[in-house]
Amino acid sequence: MEENLTWLIVMSLLALLFLSLNVLIAVFIYKDASRRRMNAWLWVTAVIYIPNFIGLILYLLARKQHHIHAASDAGNQDIRCPHCGHLI
């Protein structure tokens, strides 16, 4: 009986760890995609529902191809940081 309880506790902790890792990744994706003016909810949904971190890899590949062009927008005279998007 004690063996079953230990197994249940270990599996519950692993499930909680996996769930919290997914939440942290989703928060990172949402913030980063919003800052890069990408569709944040689309990427969060893709990362959550595509298994085995394949969605995260796809996002990281798409992220490299999507640059922040805040200073080159027409009529935009403000200079923004290419990493965080804040005005310099």
C-alpha atoms as a PDB file:
ATOM      1  CA  MET A   1       0.000   0.000   0.000  1.00  0.00           C
ATOM      2  CA  GLU A   2       2.857   2.379   0.832  1.00  0.00           C
ATOM      3  CA  GLU A   3       4.394   1.614  -2.564  1.00  0.00           C
ATOM      4  CA  ASN A   4       1.211   2.745  -4.325  1.00  0.00           C
ATOM      5  CA  LEU A   5       1.148   6.000  -2.368  1.00  0.00           C
ATOM      6  CA  THR A   6       4.784   6.740  -3.245  1.00  0.00           C
ATOM      7  CA  TRP A   7       4.070   6.023  -6.907  1.00  0.00           C
ATOM      8  CA  LEU A   8       1.039   8.325  -6.836  1.00  0.00           C
ATOM      9  CA  ILE A   9       3.028  11.171  -5.240  1.00  0.00           C
ATOM     10  CA  VAL A  10       5.894  10.836  -7.724  1.00  0.00           C
ATOM     11  CA  MET A  11       3.558  10.768 -10.717  1.00  0.00           C
ATOM     12  CA  SER A  12       1.583  13.748  -9.382  1.00  0.00           C
ATOM     13  CA  LEU A  13       4.764  15.769  -8.941  1.00  0.00           C
ATOM     14  CA  LEU A  14       5.941  14.896 -12.451  1.00  0.00           C
ATOM     15  CA  ALA A  15       2.570  15.909 -13.910  1.00  0.00           C
ATOM     16  CA  LEU A  16       2.685  19.186 -11.977  1.00  0.00           C
ATOM     17  CA  LEU A  17       6.236  19.838 -13.196  1.00  0.00           C
ATOM     18  CA  PHE A  18       5.220  19.174 -16.812  1.00  0.00           C
ATOM     19  CA  LEU A  19       2.160  21.428 -16.507  1.00  0.00           C
ATOM     20  CA  SER A  20       4.125  24.280 -14.940  1.00  0.00           C
ATOM     21  CA  LEU A  21       6.814  23.973 -17.634  1.00  0.00           C
ATOM     22  CA  ASN A  22       4.113  24.301 -20.310  1.00  0.00           C
ATOM     23  CA  VAL A  23       2.675  27.369 -18.576  1.00  0.00           C
ATOM     24  CA  LEU A  24       6.106  29.017 -18.395  1.00  0.00           C
ATOM     25  CA  ILE A  25       6.734  28.324 -22.072  1.00  0.00           C
ATOM     26  CA  ALA A  26       3.291  29.698 -22.997  1.00  0.00           C
ATOM     27  CA  VAL A  27       3.921  32.918 -21.043  1.00  0.00           C
ATOM     28  CA  PHE A  28       7.314  33.347 -22.714  1.00  0.00           C
ATOM     29  CA  ILE A  29       5.832  32.760 -26.181  1.00  0.00           C
ATOM     30  CA  TYR A  30       2.967  35.194 -25.554  1.00  0.00           C
ATOM     31  CA  LYS A  31       5.234  37.996 -24.335  1.00  0.00           C
ATOM     32  CA  ASP A  32       7.856  37.483 -27.028  1.00  0.00           C
ATOM     33  CA  ALA A  33       5.347  37.166 -29.888  1.00  0.00           C
ATOM     34  CA  SER A  34       3.479  40.275 -28.701  1.00  0.00           C
ATOM     35  CA  ARG A  35       6.707  42.255 -28.573  1.00  0.00           C
ATOM     36  CA  ARG A  36       7.583  41.138 -32.095  1.00  0.00           C
ATOM     37  CA  ARG A  37       4.062  42.007 -33.322  1.00  0.00           C
ATOM     38  CA  MET A  38       3.324  38.406 -34.211  1.00  0.00           C
ATOM     39  CA  ASN A  39      -0.026  36.725 -33.559  1.00  0.00           C
ATOM     40  CA  ALA A  40       0.613  35.808 -29.925  1.00  0.00           C
ATOM     41  CA  TRP A  41      -2.511  33.702 -29.294  1.00  0.00           C
ATOM     42  CA  LEU A  42      -1.950  31.681 -32.446  1.00  0.00           C
ATOM     43  CA  TRP A  43       1.596  30.821 -31.389  1.00  0.00           C
ATOM     44  CA  VAL A  44       0.612  30.027 -27.800  1.00  0.00           C
ATOM     45  CA  THR A  45      -2.112  27.700 -29.057  1.00  0.00           C
ATOM     46  CA  ALA A  46       0.289  26.031 -31.497  1.00  0.00           C
ATOM     47  CA  VAL A  47       2.959  25.545 -28.834  1.00  0.00           C
ATOM     48  CA  ILE A  48       0.483  24.047 -26.375  1.00  0.00           C
ATOM     49  CA  TYR A  49      -1.250  21.659 -28.793  1.00  0.00           C
ATOM     50  CA  ILE A  50       1.698  20.476 -30.913  1.00  0.00           C
ATOM     51  CA  PRO A  51       3.308  17.716 -28.829  1.00  0.00           C
ATOM     52  CA  ASN A  52       6.890  17.022 -27.778  1.00  0.00           C
ATOM     53  CA  PHE A  53       8.050  20.649 -27.899  1.00  0.00           C
ATOM     54  CA  ILE A  54       7.830  20.632 -31.709  1.00  0.00           C
ATOM     55  CA  GLY A  55       5.618  23.742 -31.467  1.00  0.00           C
ATOM     56  CA  LEU A  56       8.291  25.515 -29.444  1.00  0.00           C
ATOM     57  CA  ILE A  57      10.939  24.629 -32.020  1.00  0.00           C
ATOM     58  CA  LEU A  58       8.685  25.885 -34.829  1.00  0.00           C
ATOM     59  CA  TYR A  59       8.130  29.150 -32.965  1.00  0.00           C
ATOM     60  CA  LEU A  60      11.841  29.651 -32.394  1.00  0.00           C
ATOM     61  CA  LEU A  61      12.494  29.090 -36.109  1.00  0.00           C
ATOM     62  CA  ALA A  62       9.723  31.509 -37.121  1.00  0.00           C
ATOM     63  CA  ARG A  63      10.948  34.009 -34.538  1.00  0.00           C
ATOM     64  CA  LYS A  64      14.368  34.200 -36.182  1.00  0.00           C
ATOM     65  CA  GLN A  65      12.739  35.040 -39.513  1.00  0.00           C
ATOM     66  CA  HIS A  66      10.444  37.719 -38.041  1.00  0.00           C
ATOM     67  CA  HIS A  67      12.542  40.774 -37.217  1.00  0.00           C
ATOM     68  CA  ILE A  68      11.390  43.875 -35.344  1.00  0.00           C
ATOM     69  CA  HIS A  69      11.193  46.754 -37.840  1.00  0.00           C
ATOM     70  CA  ALA A  70       9.924  49.543 -35.598  1.00  0.00           C
ATOM     71  CA  ALA A  71      12.429  52.149 -36.809  1.00  0.00           C
ATOM     72  CA  SER A  72      11.827  51.459 -40.500  1.00  0.00           C
ATOM     73  CA  ASP A  73       8.027  51.916 -40.441  1.00  0.00           C
ATOM     74  CA  ALA A  74       6.759  54.716 -42.673  1.00  0.00           C
ATOM     75  CA  GLY A  75       6.389  57.958 -40.732  1.00  0.00           C
ATOM     76  CA  ASN A  76       7.934  56.507 -37.595  1.00  0.00           C
ATOM     77  CA  GLN A  77      10.725  58.791 -36.368  1.00  0.00           C
ATOM     78  CA  ASP A  78      11.156  57.074 -32.999  1.00  0.00           C
ATOM     79  CA  ILE A  79      14.092  54.739 -32.488  1.00  0.00           C
ATOM     80  CA  ARG A  80      13.240  51.561 -30.623  1.00  0.00           C
ATOM     81  CA  CYS A  81      15.398  48.922 -29.048  1.00  0.00           C
ATOM     82  CA  PRO A  82      15.476  45.860 -31.331  1.00  0.00           C
ATOM     83  CA  HIS A  83      15.365  43.517 -28.324  1.00  0.00           C
ATOM     84  CA  CYS A  84      12.639  44.933 -26.098  1.00  0.00           C
ATOM     85  CA  GLY A  85      10.836  47.415 -28.375  1.00  0.00           C
ATOM     86  CA  HIS A  86      11.031  50.343 -25.927  1.00  0.00           C
ATOM     87  CA  LEU A  87      11.831  53.851 -27.103  1.00  0.00           C
ATOM     88  CA  ILE A  88      15.504  54.787 -26.870  1.00  0.00           C
END
